[in-house]
């Protein structure tokens, strides 16, 4: 692959749009994204906000900015170009998306509009991957935003490891959706425990057969995570009690934020301190009662839930950063 040493027409075009324009573009694409990818796309955009990438790129002292924003973990998309979307069904189509984006950028042909560029790339990737465009649309949107944040040189020279889907992600989209919607049966032990002590699965990694822990009805997700005694200390986050990173358990630190791939309707409403901290951290500006971004220490479940755990946490609002 030939390294790119100059800014292309596509790169220049992408940098002309502010966060609000990008947000509107992605919102307009959501109906065209398959249901299995819709929440994943919304979550990814919160996990890798454009405002943070631009702030880091423009900072004279990155370490000072990290301290100001209390950044912990790996927030740099440039380090995760080929892996940040591991939780997408469409992750398997990443090589096709990446090839289509590089071809479009190196042709030095300017795009007419943002959504049109994404749709064209999704169409090309879907044809190469022999799949429906709706299954490539979300990962195409992610790819274009990744190009915007890291630049074509880094984008094109990233290792490009080939995805090897495992676990649930080997199944068809409708099968995955059906599995996400099912709740665990309680059986005889459930009858003995009583309905108030029902137990449900919280899946945090669909690529692993054991990527889940058990949560008791109407208790915070962090309680269930804490009962998972496996060792998660080697990851990019401080995980001392299960898969979900925790510090305070009182919605004061923002450490335990998660994305909700499925089952948001089975979680308690966002209220009080959780709503305030989601805003203060810059994780979410929505006023939805059951959004796709939650604090695990406050979100209580009444059924099976599928989540994804980000690789960092911080207080973006302290630097005036919000949203995309």
C-alpha atoms as a PDB file:
ATOM      1  CA  UNK A   1       0.000   0.000   0.000  1.00  0.00           C
ATOM      2  CA  UNK A   2       1.468   3.384  -1.009  1.00  0.00           C
ATOM      3  CA  UNK A   3       1.758   5.893   1.889  1.00  0.00           C
ATOM      4  CA  UNK A   4      -0.181   9.097   1.359  1.00  0.00           C
ATOM      5  CA  UNK A   5       1.836  12.245   2.027  1.00  0.00           C
ATOM      6  CA  UNK A   6      -0.666  14.969   1.260  1.00  0.00           C
ATOM      7  CA  UNK A   7      -4.193  15.816   2.255  1.00  0.00           C
ATOM      8  CA  UNK A   8      -6.675  14.485  -0.286  1.00  0.00           C
ATOM      9  CA  UNK A   9      -9.889  16.049  -1.492  1.00  0.00           C
ATOM     10  CA  UNK A  10     -11.948  13.627   0.594  1.00  0.00           C
ATOM     11  CA  UNK A  11      -9.992  14.434   3.770  1.00  0.00           C
ATOM     12  CA  UNK A  12     -10.387  18.154   3.162  1.00  0.00           C
ATOM     13  CA  UNK A  13     -14.094  17.673   2.590  1.00  0.00           C
ATOM     14  CA  UNK A  14     -14.550  15.719   5.817  1.00  0.00           C
ATOM     15  CA  UNK A  15     -12.795  18.353   7.926  1.00  0.00           C
ATOM     16  CA  UNK A  16     -15.194  21.034   6.693  1.00  0.00           C
ATOM     17  CA  UNK A  17     -18.013  19.607   8.820  1.00  0.00           C
ATOM     18  CA  UNK A  18     -18.424  20.378  12.500  1.00  0.00           C
ATOM     19  CA  UNK A  19     -19.685  17.974  15.167  1.00  0.00           C
ATOM     20  CA  UNK A  20     -23.311  19.050  14.738  1.00  0.00           C
ATOM     21  CA  UNK A  21     -23.214  18.331  10.999  1.00  0.00           C
ATOM     22  CA  UNK A  22     -21.693  14.913  11.604  1.00  0.00           C
ATOM     23  CA  UNK A  23     -24.355  14.160  14.209  1.00  0.00           C
ATOM     24  CA  UNK A  24     -27.140  15.066  11.795  1.00  0.00           C
ATOM     25  CA  UNK A  25     -25.565  12.951   9.056  1.00  0.00           C
ATOM     26  CA  UNK A  26     -25.394   9.877  11.256  1.00  0.00           C
ATOM     27  CA  UNK A  27     -28.929  10.415  12.532  1.00  0.00           C
ATOM     28  CA  UNK A  28     -30.183  10.536   8.955  1.00  0.00           C
ATOM     29  CA  UNK A  29     -28.399   7.250   8.184  1.00  0.00           C
ATOM     30  CA  UNK A  30     -29.775   5.300  11.149  1.00  0.00           C
ATOM     31  CA  UNK A  31     -32.925   4.059   9.338  1.00  0.00           C
ATOM     32  CA  UNK A  32     -30.678   2.600   6.606  1.00  0.00           C
ATOM     33  CA  UNK A  33     -28.540   0.726   9.153  1.00  0.00           C
ATOM     34  CA  UNK A  34     -29.632  -2.816  10.026  1.00  0.00           C
ATOM     35  CA  UNK A  35     -31.121  -3.160  13.496  1.00  0.00           C
ATOM     36  CA  UNK A  36     -28.263  -5.419  14.574  1.00  0.00           C
ATOM     37  CA  UNK A  37     -25.858  -2.485  13.976  1.00  0.00           C
ATOM     38  CA  UNK A  38     -27.970   0.539  14.869  1.00  0.00           C
ATOM     39  CA  UNK A  39     -27.134   0.836  18.558  1.00  0.00           C
ATOM     40  CA  UNK A  40     -23.543  -0.210  17.913  1.00  0.00           C
ATOM     41  CA  UNK A  41     -23.129   2.756  15.571  1.00  0.00           C
ATOM     42  CA  UNK A  42     -24.635   5.185  18.074  1.00  0.00           C
ATOM     43  CA  UNK A  43     -22.428   3.809  20.851  1.00  0.00           C
ATOM     44  CA  UNK A  44     -19.228   3.971  18.788  1.00  0.00           C
ATOM     45  CA  UNK A  45     -19.791   7.660  18.082  1.00  0.00           C
ATOM     46  CA  UNK A  46     -19.938   8.279  21.847  1.00  0.00           C
ATOM     47  CA  UNK A  47     -16.911   6.119  22.552  1.00  0.00           C
ATOM     48  CA  UNK A  48     -14.792   8.042  20.006  1.00  0.00           C
ATOM     49  CA  UNK A  49     -16.101  11.623  20.012  1.00  0.00           C
ATOM     50  CA  UNK A  50     -14.850  13.972  17.330  1.00  0.00           C
ATOM     51  CA  UNK A  51     -14.554  16.829  19.815  1.00  0.00           C
ATOM     52  CA  UNK A  52     -12.038  14.862  21.884  1.00  0.00           C
ATOM     53  CA  UNK A  53      -9.954  13.880  18.854  1.00  0.00           C
ATOM     54  CA  UNK A  54      -9.806  17.499  17.685  1.00  0.00           C
ATOM     55  CA  UNK A  55      -8.943  18.755  21.172  1.00  0.00           C
ATOM     56  CA  UNK A  56      -6.024  16.313  21.405  1.00  0.00           C
ATOM     57  CA  UNK A  57      -4.811  17.212  17.901  1.00  0.00           C
ATOM     58  CA  UNK A  58      -4.857  20.933  18.722  1.00  0.00           C
ATOM     59  CA  UNK A  59      -3.432  20.688  22.239  1.00  0.00           C
ATOM     60  CA  UNK A  60       0.008  22.213  22.851  1.00  0.00           C
ATOM     61  CA  UNK A  61       0.399  19.979  25.907  1.00  0.00           C
ATOM     62  CA  UNK A  62      -1.481  16.683  25.580  1.00  0.00           C
ATOM     63  CA  UNK A  63      -0.519  15.534  29.072  1.00  0.00           C
ATOM     64  CA  UNK A  64      -2.021  18.696  30.541  1.00  0.00           C
ATOM     65  CA  UNK A  65      -5.215  18.148  28.564  1.00  0.00           C
ATOM     66  CA  UNK A  66      -5.399  14.544  29.801  1.00  0.00           C
ATOM     67  CA  UNK A  67      -5.121  15.812  33.367  1.00  0.00           C
ATOM     68  CA  UNK A  68      -7.754  18.492  32.834  1.00  0.00           C
ATOM     69  CA  UNK A  69     -10.200  16.011  31.322  1.00  0.00           C
ATOM     70  CA  UNK A  70      -9.227  13.271  33.818  1.00  0.00           C
ATOM     71  CA  UNK A  71      -8.693  10.849  30.942  1.00  0.00           C
ATOM     72  CA  UNK A  72      -7.978   7.285  31.995  1.00  0.00           C
ATOM     73  CA  UNK A  73      -7.422   4.296  29.703  1.00  0.00           C
ATOM     74  CA  UNK A  74      -6.869   4.309  25.946  1.00  0.00           C
ATOM     75  CA  UNK A  75      -9.001   7.024  24.367  1.00  0.00           C
ATOM     76  CA  UNK A  76      -6.923   7.329  21.177  1.00  0.00           C
ATOM     77  CA  UNK A  77      -8.717   6.088  18.084  1.00  0.00           C
ATOM     78  CA  UNK A  78      -5.418   6.218  16.205  1.00  0.00           C
ATOM     79  CA  UNK A  79      -4.270   3.249  18.306  1.00  0.00           C
ATOM     80  CA  UNK A  80      -7.425   1.280  17.492  1.00  0.00           C
ATOM     81  CA  UNK A  81      -8.078   1.984  13.820  1.00  0.00           C
ATOM     82  CA  UNK A  82      -8.739  -1.652  12.920  1.00  0.00           C
ATOM     83  CA  UNK A  83     -10.184  -2.798  16.260  1.00  0.00           C
ATOM     84  CA  UNK A  84     -12.381  -0.033  17.712  1.00  0.00           C
ATOM     85  CA  UNK A  85     -15.488  -1.569  16.106  1.00  0.00           C
ATOM     86  CA  UNK A  86     -14.870  -5.118  17.319  1.00  0.00           C
ATOM     87  CA  UNK A  87     -18.420  -5.294  18.730  1.00  0.00           C
ATOM     88  CA  UNK A  88     -20.088  -4.637  15.365  1.00  0.00           C
ATOM     89  CA  UNK A  89     -21.661  -7.438  13.370  1.00  0.00           C
ATOM     90  CA  UNK A  90     -20.206  -5.569  10.398  1.00  0.00           C
ATOM     91  CA  UNK A  91     -16.681  -5.810  11.840  1.00  0.00           C
ATOM     92  CA  UNK A  92     -16.261  -8.779   9.503  1.00  0.00           C
ATOM     93  CA  UNK A  93     -16.689  -6.398   6.564  1.00  0.00           C
ATOM     94  CA  UNK A  94     -14.008  -3.964   7.778  1.00  0.00           C
ATOM     95  CA  UNK A  95     -11.395  -5.015   5.171  1.00  0.00           C
ATOM     96  CA  UNK A  96     -13.905  -4.220   2.403  1.00  0.00           C
ATOM     97  CA  UNK A  97     -14.875  -0.896   3.993  1.00  0.00           C
ATOM     98  CA  UNK A  98     -11.264   0.099   4.500  1.00  0.00           C
ATOM     99  CA  UNK A  99     -10.365  -0.754   0.914  1.00  0.00           C
ATOM    100  CA  UNK A 100     -13.314   1.253  -0.409  1.00  0.00           C
ATOM    101  CA  UNK A 101     -12.416   4.294   1.716  1.00  0.00           C
ATOM    102  CA  UNK A 102      -8.756   4.257   0.678  1.00  0.00           C
ATOM    103  CA  UNK A 103      -9.723   3.910  -2.970  1.00  0.00           C
ATOM    104  CA  UNK A 104     -12.149   6.815  -2.684  1.00  0.00           C
ATOM    105  CA  UNK A 105      -9.614   9.007  -0.887  1.00  0.00           C
ATOM    106  CA  UNK A 106      -6.665   8.250  -3.180  1.00  0.00           C
ATOM    107  CA  UNK A 107      -8.760   8.922  -6.270  1.00  0.00           C
ATOM    108  CA  UNK A 108      -8.744  12.519  -5.014  1.00  0.00           C
ATOM    109  CA  UNK A 109     -12.383  12.926  -5.969  1.00  0.00           C
ATOM    110  CA  UNK A 110     -14.322  15.274  -3.681  1.00  0.00           C
ATOM    111  CA  UNK A 111     -17.574  14.027  -2.156  1.00  0.00           C
ATOM    112  CA  UNK A 112     -20.844  15.802  -2.880  1.00  0.00           C
ATOM    113  CA  UNK A 113     -22.252  15.341   0.632  1.00  0.00           C
ATOM    114  CA  UNK A 114     -21.394  13.479   3.811  1.00  0.00           C
ATOM    115  CA  UNK A 115     -24.204  10.921   3.844  1.00  0.00           C
ATOM    116  CA  UNK A 116     -23.770  10.317   0.124  1.00  0.00           C
ATOM    117  CA  UNK A 117     -20.095   9.469   0.608  1.00  0.00           C
ATOM    118  CA  UNK A 118     -20.918   7.015   3.378  1.00  0.00           C
ATOM    119  CA  UNK A 119     -23.694   5.401   1.353  1.00  0.00           C
ATOM    120  CA  UNK A 120     -21.395   4.969  -1.650  1.00  0.00           C
ATOM    121  CA  UNK A 121     -18.705   3.330   0.475  1.00  0.00           C
ATOM    122  CA  UNK A 122     -21.274   1.035   2.120  1.00  0.00           C
ATOM    123  CA  UNK A 123     -22.539   0.026  -1.325  1.00  0.00           C
ATOM    124  CA  UNK A 124     -19.030  -0.842  -2.534  1.00  0.00           C
ATOM    125  CA  UNK A 125     -18.172  -2.730   0.661  1.00  0.00           C
ATOM    126  CA  UNK A 126     -21.462  -4.655   0.591  1.00  0.00           C
ATOM    127  CA  UNK A 127     -20.814  -5.731  -2.994  1.00  0.00           C
ATOM    128  CA  UNK A 128     -17.294  -6.886  -2.132  1.00  0.00           C
ATOM    129  CA  UNK A 129     -18.504  -8.692   0.977  1.00  0.00           C
ATOM    130  CA  UNK A 130     -21.591 -10.106  -0.754  1.00  0.00           C
ATOM    131  CA  UNK A 131     -23.934  -8.777   1.876  1.00  0.00           C
ATOM    132  CA  UNK A 132     -26.823  -6.358   2.219  1.00  0.00           C
ATOM    133  CA  UNK A 133     -25.962  -2.650   2.257  1.00  0.00           C
ATOM    134  CA  UNK A 134     -27.761  -2.216   5.582  1.00  0.00           C
ATOM    135  CA  UNK A 135     -25.184  -4.512   7.204  1.00  0.00           C
ATOM    136  CA  UNK A 136     -22.276  -2.466   5.848  1.00  0.00           C
ATOM    137  CA  UNK A 137     -23.766   0.982   6.461  1.00  0.00           C
ATOM    138  CA  UNK A 138     -22.859   1.258  10.144  1.00  0.00           C
ATOM    139  CA  UNK A 139     -19.276   0.100   9.722  1.00  0.00           C
ATOM    140  CA  UNK A 140     -18.927   2.392   6.689  1.00  0.00           C
ATOM    141  CA  UNK A 141     -20.033   5.375   8.803  1.00  0.00           C
ATOM    142  CA  UNK A 142     -17.480   4.382  11.439  1.00  0.00           C
ATOM    143  CA  UNK A 143     -14.794   4.042   8.775  1.00  0.00           C
ATOM    144  CA  UNK A 144     -15.389   7.498   7.343  1.00  0.00           C
ATOM    145  CA  UNK A 145     -15.363   9.045  10.823  1.00  0.00           C
ATOM    146  CA  UNK A 146     -12.145   7.162  11.594  1.00  0.00           C
ATOM    147  CA  UNK A 147     -10.560   8.628   8.459  1.00  0.00           C
ATOM    148  CA  UNK A 148     -11.690  12.090   9.579  1.00  0.00           C
ATOM    149  CA  UNK A 149     -10.057  11.664  12.993  1.00  0.00           C
ATOM    150  CA  UNK A 150      -6.766   9.944  12.124  1.00  0.00           C
ATOM    151  CA  UNK A 151      -5.972  11.045   8.565  1.00  0.00           C
ATOM    152  CA  UNK A 152      -5.373   8.930   5.479  1.00  0.00           C
ATOM    153  CA  UNK A 153      -1.702   8.177   6.118  1.00  0.00           C
ATOM    154  CA  UNK A 154      -2.374   6.496   9.457  1.00  0.00           C
ATOM    155  CA  UNK A 155      -5.634   5.004   8.235  1.00  0.00           C
ATOM    156  CA  UNK A 156      -4.019   3.358   5.206  1.00  0.00           C
ATOM    157  CA  UNK A 157      -0.900   2.109   7.004  1.00  0.00           C
ATOM    158  CA  UNK A 158      -2.607   0.629  10.087  1.00  0.00           C
ATOM    159  CA  UNK A 159      -1.904  -3.117  10.457  1.00  0.00           C
ATOM    160  CA  UNK A 160      -5.296  -4.150   9.093  1.00  0.00           C
ATOM    161  CA  UNK A 161      -5.676  -7.384  11.044  1.00  0.00           C
ATOM    162  CA  UNK A 162      -8.308  -9.630   9.512  1.00  0.00           C
ATOM    163  CA  UNK A 163     -11.419 -10.012  11.687  1.00  0.00           C
ATOM    164  CA  UNK A 164     -12.167 -13.533  12.890  1.00  0.00           C
ATOM    165  CA  UNK A 165     -15.749 -13.438  14.214  1.00  0.00           C
ATOM    166  CA  UNK A 166     -16.482 -15.912  16.995  1.00  0.00           C
ATOM    167  CA  UNK A 167     -19.310 -16.752  19.374  1.00  0.00           C
ATOM    168  CA  UNK A 168     -22.622 -15.109  18.608  1.00  0.00           C
ATOM    169  CA  UNK A 169     -21.073 -13.035  15.821  1.00  0.00           C
ATOM    170  CA  UNK A 170     -20.775 -16.150  13.678  1.00  0.00           C
ATOM    171  CA  UNK A 171     -24.555 -16.279  13.499  1.00  0.00           C
ATOM    172  CA  UNK A 172     -26.931 -14.469  11.189  1.00  0.00           C
ATOM    173  CA  UNK A 173     -28.199 -10.990  12.170  1.00  0.00           C
ATOM    174  CA  UNK A 174     -31.763 -12.100  12.906  1.00  0.00           C
ATOM    175  CA  UNK A 175     -30.477 -14.926  15.099  1.00  0.00           C
ATOM    176  CA  UNK A 176     -28.340 -12.454  17.056  1.00  0.00           C
ATOM    177  CA  UNK A 177     -31.279 -10.088  17.495  1.00  0.00           C
ATOM    178  CA  UNK A 178     -33.493 -12.907  18.744  1.00  0.00           C
ATOM    179  CA  UNK A 179     -30.821 -14.034  21.222  1.00  0.00           C
ATOM    180  CA  UNK A 180     -30.417 -10.489  22.541  1.00  0.00           C
ATOM    181  CA  UNK A 181     -34.138 -10.167  23.190  1.00  0.00           C
ATOM    182  CA  UNK A 182     -34.513 -13.415  25.148  1.00  0.00           C
ATOM    183  CA  UNK A 183     -34.445 -13.433  28.948  1.00  0.00           C
ATOM    184  CA  UNK A 184     -33.009 -16.258  31.000  1.00  0.00           C
ATOM    185  CA  UNK A 185     -35.538 -18.814  32.219  1.00  0.00           C
ATOM    186  CA  UNK A 186     -35.610 -18.988  36.000  1.00  0.00           C
ATOM    187  CA  UNK A 187     -36.424 -22.696  36.391  1.00  0.00           C
ATOM    188  CA  UNK A 188     -36.983 -24.417  39.717  1.00  0.00           C
ATOM    189  CA  UNK A 189     -34.254 -22.434  41.460  1.00  0.00           C
ATOM    190  CA  UNK A 190     -35.883 -19.243  40.282  1.00  0.00           C
ATOM    191  CA  UNK A 191     -39.172 -20.339  41.789  1.00  0.00           C
ATOM    192  CA  UNK A 192     -37.383 -21.046  45.076  1.00  0.00           C
ATOM    193  CA  UNK A 193     -35.622 -17.683  45.060  1.00  0.00           C
ATOM    194  CA  UNK A 194     -38.837 -15.796  44.280  1.00  0.00           C
ATOM    195  CA  UNK A 195     -39.535 -13.286  41.478  1.00  0.00           C
ATOM    196  CA  UNK A 196     -37.876 -10.450  43.380  1.00  0.00           C
ATOM    197  CA  UNK A 197     -34.545 -12.345  43.183  1.00  0.00           C
ATOM    198  CA  UNK A 198     -34.699 -13.319  39.509  1.00  0.00           C
ATOM    199  CA  UNK A 199     -31.296 -13.551  37.825  1.00  0.00           C
ATOM    200  CA  UNK A 200     -30.444 -12.338  34.334  1.00  0.00           C
ATOM    201  CA  UNK A 201     -27.420 -12.473  32.039  1.00  0.00           C
ATOM    202  CA  UNK A 202     -25.459  -9.348  31.196  1.00  0.00           C
ATOM    203  CA  UNK A 203     -23.399 -10.014  28.064  1.00  0.00           C
ATOM    204  CA  UNK A 204     -20.357  -7.764  27.726  1.00  0.00           C
ATOM    205  CA  UNK A 205     -18.570  -9.568  24.871  1.00  0.00           C
ATOM    206  CA  UNK A 206     -20.585 -11.409  22.229  1.00  0.00           C
ATOM    207  CA  UNK A 207     -17.421 -12.818  20.650  1.00  0.00           C
ATOM    208  CA  UNK A 208     -16.788 -14.951  23.749  1.00  0.00           C
ATOM    209  CA  UNK A 209     -18.901 -17.877  24.903  1.00  0.00           C
ATOM    210  CA  UNK A 210     -18.158 -16.832  28.499  1.00  0.00           C
ATOM    211  CA  UNK A 211     -18.415 -13.077  27.948  1.00  0.00           C
ATOM    212  CA  UNK A 212     -21.201 -12.549  30.465  1.00  0.00           C
ATOM    213  CA  UNK A 213     -21.997 -12.242  34.153  1.00  0.00           C
ATOM    214  CA  UNK A 214     -25.202 -12.611  36.183  1.00  0.00           C
ATOM    215  CA  UNK A 215     -27.182  -9.697  37.620  1.00  0.00           C
ATOM    216  CA  UNK A 216     -29.992  -9.939  40.165  1.00  0.00           C
ATOM    217  CA  UNK A 217     -33.254  -8.199  39.285  1.00  0.00           C
ATOM    218  CA  UNK A 218     -33.396  -4.508  40.177  1.00  0.00           C
ATOM    219  CA  UNK A 219     -29.794  -4.274  41.342  1.00  0.00           C
ATOM    220  CA  UNK A 220     -27.065  -2.207  39.616  1.00  0.00           C
ATOM    221  CA  UNK A 221     -25.079  -3.855  36.846  1.00  0.00           C
ATOM    222  CA  UNK A 222     -21.900  -3.201  38.823  1.00  0.00           C
ATOM    223  CA  UNK A 223     -23.179  -5.504  41.590  1.00  0.00           C
ATOM    224  CA  UNK A 224     -23.418  -8.376  39.141  1.00  0.00           C
ATOM    225  CA  UNK A 225     -20.022  -7.547  37.648  1.00  0.00           C
ATOM    226  CA  UNK A 226     -18.430  -7.558  41.114  1.00  0.00           C
ATOM    227  CA  UNK A 227     -19.563 -11.146  41.652  1.00  0.00           C
ATOM    228  CA  UNK A 228     -17.604 -12.198  38.545  1.00  0.00           C
ATOM    229  CA  UNK A 229     -14.315 -13.230  40.157  1.00  0.00           C
ATOM    230  CA  UNK A 230     -12.336 -13.731  36.946  1.00  0.00           C
ATOM    231  CA  UNK A 231      -9.217 -11.600  36.433  1.00  0.00           C
ATOM    232  CA  UNK A 232      -9.772  -8.543  34.223  1.00  0.00           C
ATOM    233  CA  UNK A 233      -6.800  -6.511  35.465  1.00  0.00           C
ATOM    234  CA  UNK A 234      -4.740  -6.874  32.271  1.00  0.00           C
ATOM    235  CA  UNK A 235      -7.056  -4.711  30.140  1.00  0.00           C
ATOM    236  CA  UNK A 236      -6.710  -0.977  29.359  1.00  0.00           C
ATOM    237  CA  UNK A 237      -8.956  -0.048  32.311  1.00  0.00           C
ATOM    238  CA  UNK A 238      -8.680  -0.560  36.073  1.00  0.00           C
ATOM    239  CA  UNK A 239     -10.941  -3.579  36.579  1.00  0.00           C
ATOM    240  CA  UNK A 240     -10.648  -4.746  40.162  1.00  0.00           C
ATOM    241  CA  UNK A 241     -14.137  -6.222  40.511  1.00  0.00           C
ATOM    242  CA  UNK A 242     -15.290  -7.962  37.376  1.00  0.00           C
ATOM    243  CA  UNK A 243     -15.479  -6.853  33.760  1.00  0.00           C
ATOM    244  CA  UNK A 244     -16.950  -3.384  34.386  1.00  0.00           C
ATOM    245  CA  UNK A 245     -14.431  -0.828  35.719  1.00  0.00           C
ATOM    246  CA  UNK A 246     -15.617   0.759  38.982  1.00  0.00           C
ATOM    247  CA  UNK A 247     -14.382   3.358  41.419  1.00  0.00           C
ATOM    248  CA  UNK A 248     -17.092   5.112  43.427  1.00  0.00           C
ATOM    249  CA  UNK A 249     -20.403   3.228  42.835  1.00  0.00           C
ATOM    250  CA  UNK A 250     -22.265   6.518  43.520  1.00  0.00           C
ATOM    251  CA  UNK A 251     -22.318   8.087  40.024  1.00  0.00           C
ATOM    252  CA  UNK A 252     -19.531  10.506  40.939  1.00  0.00           C
ATOM    253  CA  UNK A 253     -16.546   9.298  38.895  1.00  0.00           C
ATOM    254  CA  UNK A 254     -17.906   8.249  35.476  1.00  0.00           C
ATOM    255  CA  UNK A 255     -15.643   5.197  35.427  1.00  0.00           C
ATOM    256  CA  UNK A 256     -18.398   2.610  34.887  1.00  0.00           C
ATOM    257  CA  UNK A 257     -20.004   4.022  31.759  1.00  0.00           C
ATOM    258  CA  UNK A 258     -21.124   1.420  29.219  1.00  0.00           C
ATOM    259  CA  UNK A 259     -22.902   1.254  25.877  1.00  0.00           C
ATOM    260  CA  UNK A 260     -26.147  -0.724  25.691  1.00  0.00           C
ATOM    261  CA  UNK A 261     -26.291  -2.803  22.511  1.00  0.00           C
ATOM    262  CA  UNK A 262     -29.580  -4.435  23.486  1.00  0.00           C
ATOM    263  CA  UNK A 263     -31.993  -4.430  26.402  1.00  0.00           C
ATOM    264  CA  UNK A 264     -32.034  -0.683  27.124  1.00  0.00           C
ATOM    265  CA  UNK A 265     -35.776  -0.980  27.701  1.00  0.00           C
ATOM    266  CA  UNK A 266     -35.102  -3.507  30.497  1.00  0.00           C
ATOM    267  CA  UNK A 267     -32.985  -1.037  32.471  1.00  0.00           C
ATOM    268  CA  UNK A 268     -34.217   1.497  34.991  1.00  0.00           C
ATOM    269  CA  UNK A 269     -34.710   5.070  33.758  1.00  0.00           C
ATOM    270  CA  UNK A 270     -31.859   7.576  33.880  1.00  0.00           C
ATOM    271  CA  UNK A 271     -32.545   9.863  36.804  1.00  0.00           C
ATOM    272  CA  UNK A 272     -30.906  12.290  39.222  1.00  0.00           C
ATOM    273  CA  UNK A 273     -27.175  11.893  39.707  1.00  0.00           C
ATOM    274  CA  UNK A 274     -26.758   9.534  36.761  1.00  0.00           C
ATOM    275  CA  UNK A 275     -28.288  12.069  34.371  1.00  0.00           C
ATOM    276  CA  UNK A 276     -26.100  14.841  35.801  1.00  0.00           C
ATOM    277  CA  UNK A 277     -22.873  12.867  35.581  1.00  0.00           C
ATOM    278  CA  UNK A 278     -23.533  11.615  32.039  1.00  0.00           C
ATOM    279  CA  UNK A 279     -23.798  15.273  31.064  1.00  0.00           C
ATOM    280  CA  UNK A 280     -20.810  16.410  33.146  1.00  0.00           C
ATOM    281  CA  UNK A 281     -18.623  13.692  31.644  1.00  0.00           C
ATOM    282  CA  UNK A 282     -19.763  14.637  28.142  1.00  0.00           C
ATOM    283  CA  UNK A 283     -20.842  11.060  27.479  1.00  0.00           C
ATOM    284  CA  UNK A 284     -24.407  11.969  26.608  1.00  0.00           C
ATOM    285  CA  UNK A 285     -26.544  15.026  25.951  1.00  0.00           C
ATOM    286  CA  UNK A 286     -29.774  13.137  25.292  1.00  0.00           C
ATOM    287  CA  UNK A 287     -32.725  13.371  27.673  1.00  0.00           C
ATOM    288  CA  UNK A 288     -33.979   9.887  26.744  1.00  0.00           C
ATOM    289  CA  UNK A 289     -35.037   7.926  29.843  1.00  0.00           C
ATOM    290  CA  UNK A 290     -33.433   4.743  28.471  1.00  0.00           C
ATOM    291  CA  UNK A 291     -30.485   5.799  26.283  1.00  0.00           C
ATOM    292  CA  UNK A 292     -27.693   3.670  24.810  1.00  0.00           C
ATOM    293  CA  UNK A 293     -25.095   5.100  27.209  1.00  0.00           C
ATOM    294  CA  UNK A 294     -25.466   4.316  30.922  1.00  0.00           C
ATOM    295  CA  UNK A 295     -23.598   4.300  34.208  1.00  0.00           C
ATOM    296  CA  UNK A 296     -23.491   0.679  35.315  1.00  0.00           C
ATOM    297  CA  UNK A 297     -23.582   1.670  38.992  1.00  0.00           C
ATOM    298  CA  UNK A 298     -27.067   3.166  38.534  1.00  0.00           C
ATOM    299  CA  UNK A 299     -28.593   1.063  35.739  1.00  0.00           C
ATOM    300  CA  UNK A 300     -30.700  -1.731  37.262  1.00  0.00           C
ATOM    301  CA  UNK A 301     -31.967  -4.542  35.072  1.00  0.00           C
ATOM    302  CA  UNK A 302     -35.219  -6.482  34.837  1.00  0.00           C
ATOM    303  CA  UNK A 303     -34.040  -8.788  32.041  1.00  0.00           C
ATOM    304  CA  UNK A 304     -31.094  -9.851  29.907  1.00  0.00           C
ATOM    305  CA  UNK A 305     -28.924  -6.993  28.652  1.00  0.00           C
ATOM    306  CA  UNK A 306     -26.073  -6.768  26.143  1.00  0.00           C
ATOM    307  CA  UNK A 307     -23.474  -4.090  26.806  1.00  0.00           C
ATOM    308  CA  UNK A 308     -20.076  -3.010  25.520  1.00  0.00           C
ATOM    309  CA  UNK A 309     -17.399  -1.495  27.755  1.00  0.00           C
ATOM    310  CA  UNK A 310     -15.341   1.475  26.489  1.00  0.00           C
ATOM    311  CA  UNK A 311     -11.551   1.579  26.743  1.00  0.00           C
ATOM    312  CA  UNK A 312     -11.428   4.887  28.630  1.00  0.00           C
ATOM    313  CA  UNK A 313     -13.299   7.332  30.845  1.00  0.00           C
ATOM    314  CA  UNK A 314     -13.017  11.028  31.619  1.00  0.00           C
ATOM    315  CA  UNK A 315     -14.729  14.370  32.227  1.00  0.00           C
ATOM    316  CA  UNK A 316     -14.930  15.890  28.752  1.00  0.00           C
ATOM    317  CA  UNK A 317     -17.258  18.671  29.855  1.00  0.00           C
ATOM    318  CA  UNK A 318     -14.471  20.097  32.060  1.00  0.00           C
ATOM    319  CA  UNK A 319     -12.785  21.112  28.825  1.00  0.00           C
ATOM    320  CA  UNK A 320     -15.997  22.266  27.205  1.00  0.00           C
ATOM    321  CA  UNK A 321     -16.251  19.135  25.065  1.00  0.00           C
ATOM    322  CA  UNK A 322     -19.571  17.452  24.357  1.00  0.00           C
ATOM    323  CA  UNK A 323     -21.075  14.994  21.918  1.00  0.00           C
ATOM    324  CA  UNK A 324     -19.403  14.142  18.615  1.00  0.00           C
END
